[in-house]
Amino acid sequence: MYKMLAFDLDGTLNNDDKVITPMTREAIMAVQEQGVIVALVSGRQAPGLKREADALQLQDYHGLRISYNGGRIRGCDDGRDPV
């Protein structure tokens, strides 16, 4: 089983309308419930990942936001750098 899945946002996780489809959201929620950590990865600035992180409830599953093309890694549960 996977321990972590990392998703690029624009054009990958998000569709052309820049939203996560319900089917994709359900699949990601299911893997999080099995204990898989989900990381959102983007070239965006850190605040630009909040909408998707909230939609996937990453704060409840110890998810990560990786922004600035990997320049900043933050835990969604408390906003601090992961240990």
N, C-alpha and C. Protein backbone atom coordinates (compact mmCIF):
# COMPACT_ATOMS: atom_id res chain seq x y z
N MET A 1 0.84 -1.17 0.00
CA MET A 1 0.00 0.00 0.00
C MET A 1 0.89 1.24 0.00
N TYR A 2 0.41 2.28 -0.65
CA TYR A 2 1.14 3.55 -0.67
C TYR A 2 1.07 4.22 0.68
N LYS A 3 2.12 4.96 1.03
CA LYS A 3 2.13 5.74 2.26
C LYS A 3 1.80 7.20 1.99
N MET A 4 2.12 7.66 0.77
CA MET A 4 1.87 9.05 0.41
C MET A 4 1.57 9.14 -1.08
N LEU A 5 0.65 10.03 -1.41
CA LEU A 5 0.38 10.39 -2.80
C LEU A 5 0.54 11.89 -2.92
N ALA A 6 1.28 12.33 -3.94
CA ALA A 6 1.49 13.75 -4.18
C ALA A 6 0.84 14.12 -5.51
N PHE A 7 0.09 15.21 -5.50
CA PHE A 7 -0.64 15.64 -6.68
C PHE A 7 -0.26 17.06 -7.07
N ASP A 8 0.08 17.24 -8.34
CA ASP A 8 0.19 18.57 -8.90
C ASP A 8 -1.23 19.09 -9.04
N LEU A 9 -1.42 20.39 -9.00
CA LEU A 9 -2.77 20.94 -9.05
C LEU A 9 -3.24 21.27 -10.45
N ASP A 10 -2.73 22.33 -11.01
CA ASP A 10 -3.28 22.88 -12.23
C ASP A 10 -3.03 21.98 -13.43
N GLY A 11 -4.11 21.54 -14.05
CA GLY A 11 -4.03 20.67 -15.20
C GLY A 11 -3.84 19.21 -14.86
N THR A 12 -3.74 18.88 -13.59
CA THR A 12 -3.58 17.49 -13.16
C THR A 12 -4.71 17.12 -12.21
N LEU A 13 -4.64 17.58 -10.97
CA LEU A 13 -5.70 17.31 -10.01
C LEU A 13 -6.95 18.12 -10.33
N ASN A 14 -6.74 19.38 -10.65
CA ASN A 14 -7.86 20.25 -11.05
C ASN A 14 -8.15 20.03 -12.53
N ASN A 15 -9.43 20.13 -12.88
CA ASN A 15 -9.80 20.02 -14.29
C ASN A 15 -9.62 21.38 -14.97
N ASP A 16 -10.10 21.53 -16.19
CA ASP A 16 -9.93 22.78 -16.93
C ASP A 16 -10.64 23.96 -16.28
N ASP A 17 -11.66 23.67 -15.47
CA ASP A 17 -12.38 24.72 -14.74
C ASP A 17 -11.73 25.03 -13.39
N LYS A 18 -10.57 24.43 -13.16
CA LYS A 18 -9.79 24.63 -11.92
C LYS A 18 -10.54 24.15 -10.68
N VAL A 19 -11.27 23.05 -10.81
CA VAL A 19 -11.94 22.43 -9.67
C VAL A 19 -11.61 20.94 -9.62
N ILE A 20 -11.69 20.39 -8.43
CA ILE A 20 -11.52 18.95 -8.24
C ILE A 20 -12.90 18.32 -8.44
N THR A 21 -13.00 17.38 -9.35
CA THR A 21 -14.30 16.77 -9.62
C THR A 21 -14.75 15.93 -8.42
N PRO A 22 -16.06 15.74 -8.27
CA PRO A 22 -16.55 14.92 -7.15
C PRO A 22 -15.97 13.51 -7.13
N MET A 23 -15.81 12.88 -8.29
CA MET A 23 -15.26 11.53 -8.32
C MET A 23 -13.80 11.51 -7.84
N THR A 24 -13.03 12.50 -8.25
CA THR A 24 -11.64 12.60 -7.81
C THR A 24 -11.58 12.85 -6.31
N ARG A 25 -12.42 13.76 -5.82
CA ARG A 25 -12.45 14.06 -4.38
C ARG A 25 -12.79 12.81 -3.58
N GLU A 26 -13.79 12.06 -4.02
CA GLU A 26 -14.18 10.84 -3.31
C GLU A 26 -13.04 9.83 -3.26
N ALA A 27 -12.32 9.68 -4.36
CA ALA A 27 -11.20 8.74 -4.39
C ALA A 27 -10.09 9.17 -3.44
N ILE A 28 -9.79 10.47 -3.41
CA ILE A 28 -8.74 10.96 -2.52
C ILE A 28 -9.18 10.84 -1.06
N MET A 29 -10.42 11.13 -0.78
CA MET A 29 -10.92 10.97 0.59
C MET A 29 -10.82 9.52 1.03
N ALA A 30 -11.11 8.59 0.13
CA ALA A 30 -11.05 7.16 0.46
C ALA A 30 -9.63 6.72 0.81
N VAL A 31 -8.62 7.18 0.06
CA VAL A 31 -7.26 6.78 0.38
C VAL A 31 -6.79 7.42 1.68
N GLN A 32 -7.24 8.65 1.95
CA GLN A 32 -6.87 9.29 3.22
C GLN A 32 -7.46 8.50 4.39
N GLU A 33 -8.67 8.01 4.24
CA GLU A 33 -9.30 7.22 5.31
C GLU A 33 -8.57 5.91 5.56
N GLN A 34 -7.79 5.47 4.58
CA GLN A 34 -6.97 4.26 4.73
C GLN A 34 -5.59 4.57 5.30
N GLY A 35 -5.34 5.85 5.62
CA GLY A 35 -4.07 6.23 6.23
C GLY A 35 -3.02 6.76 5.28
N VAL A 36 -3.36 6.94 4.02
CA VAL A 36 -2.40 7.48 3.05
C VAL A 36 -2.33 9.00 3.21
N ILE A 37 -1.12 9.54 3.29
CA ILE A 37 -0.92 10.98 3.37
C ILE A 37 -1.04 11.56 1.96
N VAL A 38 -1.75 12.67 1.84
CA VAL A 38 -1.91 13.34 0.55
C VAL A 38 -1.16 14.67 0.60
N ALA A 39 -0.36 14.91 -0.43
CA ALA A 39 0.37 16.16 -0.55
C ALA A 39 -0.07 16.87 -1.82
N LEU A 40 -0.37 18.14 -1.69
CA LEU A 40 -0.65 18.99 -2.85
C LEU A 40 0.64 19.71 -3.20
N VAL A 41 1.03 19.63 -4.47
CA VAL A 41 2.31 20.18 -4.91
C VAL A 41 2.05 21.17 -6.03
N SER A 42 2.65 22.36 -5.92
CA SER A 42 2.39 23.38 -6.93
C SER A 42 3.50 24.42 -6.96
N GLY A 43 3.56 25.11 -8.06
CA GLY A 43 4.43 26.28 -8.17
C GLY A 43 3.76 27.51 -7.58
N ARG A 44 2.51 27.37 -7.20
CA ARG A 44 1.77 28.50 -6.61
C ARG A 44 2.40 28.95 -5.30
N GLN A 45 2.02 30.15 -4.88
CA GLN A 45 2.38 30.61 -3.55
C GLN A 45 1.58 29.79 -2.53
N ALA A 46 2.07 29.72 -1.31
CA ALA A 46 1.45 28.88 -0.28
C ALA A 46 -0.05 29.13 -0.10
N PRO A 47 -0.52 30.38 -0.01
CA PRO A 47 -1.96 30.58 0.17
C PRO A 47 -2.81 30.07 -0.99
N GLY A 48 -2.21 29.90 -2.15
CA GLY A 48 -2.93 29.44 -3.32
C GLY A 48 -3.32 27.97 -3.28
N LEU A 49 -2.88 27.24 -2.27
CA LEU A 49 -3.24 25.83 -2.13
C LEU A 49 -4.35 25.60 -1.11
N LYS A 50 -4.77 26.65 -0.43
CA LYS A 50 -5.73 26.51 0.66
C LYS A 50 -7.09 25.98 0.20
N ARG A 51 -7.60 26.48 -0.91
CA ARG A 51 -8.93 26.06 -1.36
C ARG A 51 -8.97 24.55 -1.59
N GLU A 52 -7.98 24.02 -2.29
CA GLU A 52 -7.94 22.59 -2.56
C GLU A 52 -7.68 21.78 -1.29
N ALA A 53 -6.79 22.28 -0.43
CA ALA A 53 -6.52 21.59 0.84
C ALA A 53 -7.78 21.50 1.69
N ASP A 54 -8.54 22.58 1.73
CA ASP A 54 -9.80 22.57 2.48
C ASP A 54 -10.81 21.62 1.86
N ALA A 55 -10.91 21.61 0.54
CA ALA A 55 -11.87 20.74 -0.15
C ALA A 55 -11.58 19.27 0.12
N LEU A 56 -10.31 18.94 0.31
CA LEU A 56 -9.91 17.55 0.55
C LEU A 56 -9.75 17.24 2.04
N GLN A 57 -10.04 18.22 2.88
CA GLN A 57 -9.95 18.07 4.34
C GLN A 57 -8.57 17.57 4.77
N LEU A 58 -7.54 18.09 4.13
CA LEU A 58 -6.19 17.63 4.44
C LEU A 58 -5.80 17.88 5.89
N GLN A 59 -6.37 18.90 6.51
CA GLN A 59 -6.05 19.20 7.91
C GLN A 59 -6.47 18.06 8.83
N ASP A 60 -7.46 17.26 8.44
CA ASP A 60 -7.94 16.15 9.26
C ASP A 60 -7.13 14.88 9.07
N TYR A 61 -6.31 14.84 8.02
CA TYR A 61 -5.57 13.62 7.67
C TYR A 61 -4.06 13.85 7.59
N HIS A 62 -3.57 14.92 8.20
CA HIS A 62 -2.13 15.22 8.25
C HIS A 62 -1.54 15.43 6.86
N GLY A 63 -2.32 16.00 5.95
CA GLY A 63 -1.86 16.27 4.60
C GLY A 63 -0.82 17.37 4.55
N LEU A 64 -0.20 17.51 3.40
CA LEU A 64 0.87 18.49 3.22
C LEU A 64 0.54 19.42 2.05
N ARG A 65 1.03 20.66 2.16
CA ARG A 65 0.98 21.62 1.07
C ARG A 65 2.42 21.95 0.70
N ILE A 66 2.78 21.60 -0.53
CA ILE A 66 4.14 21.87 -1.02
C ILE A 66 4.02 22.94 -2.09
N SER A 67 4.51 24.12 -1.78
CA SER A 67 4.33 25.27 -2.67
C SER A 67 5.68 25.81 -3.14
N TYR A 68 5.61 26.85 -3.97
CA TYR A 68 6.81 27.49 -4.52
C TYR A 68 7.74 26.47 -5.19
N ASN A 69 7.14 25.55 -5.97
CA ASN A 69 7.91 24.50 -6.65
C ASN A 69 8.80 23.71 -5.70
N GLY A 70 8.27 23.41 -4.53
CA GLY A 70 9.01 22.63 -3.54
C GLY A 70 9.78 23.46 -2.55
N GLY A 71 9.73 24.77 -2.66
CA GLY A 71 10.48 25.66 -1.77
C GLY A 71 9.90 25.77 -0.37
N ARG A 72 8.63 25.39 -0.20
CA ARG A 72 8.01 25.45 1.13
C ARG A 72 7.12 24.23 1.31
N ILE A 73 7.31 23.56 2.43
CA ILE A 73 6.49 22.40 2.78
C ILE A 73 5.84 22.68 4.12
N ARG A 74 4.51 22.60 4.13
CA ARG A 74 3.75 22.87 5.35
C ARG A 74 2.75 21.76 5.60
N GLY A 75 2.59 21.42 6.87
CA GLY A 75 1.54 20.50 7.26
C GLY A 75 0.20 21.24 7.29
N CYS A 76 -0.84 20.60 6.84
CA CYS A 76 -2.16 21.25 6.80
C CYS A 76 -2.85 21.26 8.15
N ASP A 77 -2.44 20.38 9.06
CA ASP A 77 -3.13 20.30 10.32
C ASP A 77 -2.83 21.46 11.27
N ASP A 78 -1.62 22.01 11.15
CA ASP A 78 -1.30 23.15 12.02
C ASP A 78 -0.52 24.25 11.31
N GLY A 79 -0.21 24.05 10.05
CA GLY A 79 0.50 25.06 9.28
C GLY A 79 2.00 25.09 9.49
N ARG A 80 2.50 24.26 10.38
CA ARG A 80 3.95 24.22 10.64
C ARG A 80 4.65 23.31 9.67
N ASP A 81 5.96 23.47 9.61
CA ASP A 81 6.74 22.56 8.79
C ASP A 81 6.61 21.15 9.38
N PRO A 82 6.46 20.13 8.52
CA PRO A 82 6.37 18.75 9.04
C PRO A 82 7.70 18.32 9.62
N VAL A 83 7.64 17.41 10.55
CA VAL A 83 8.85 16.90 11.19
C VAL A 83 9.41 15.75 10.39
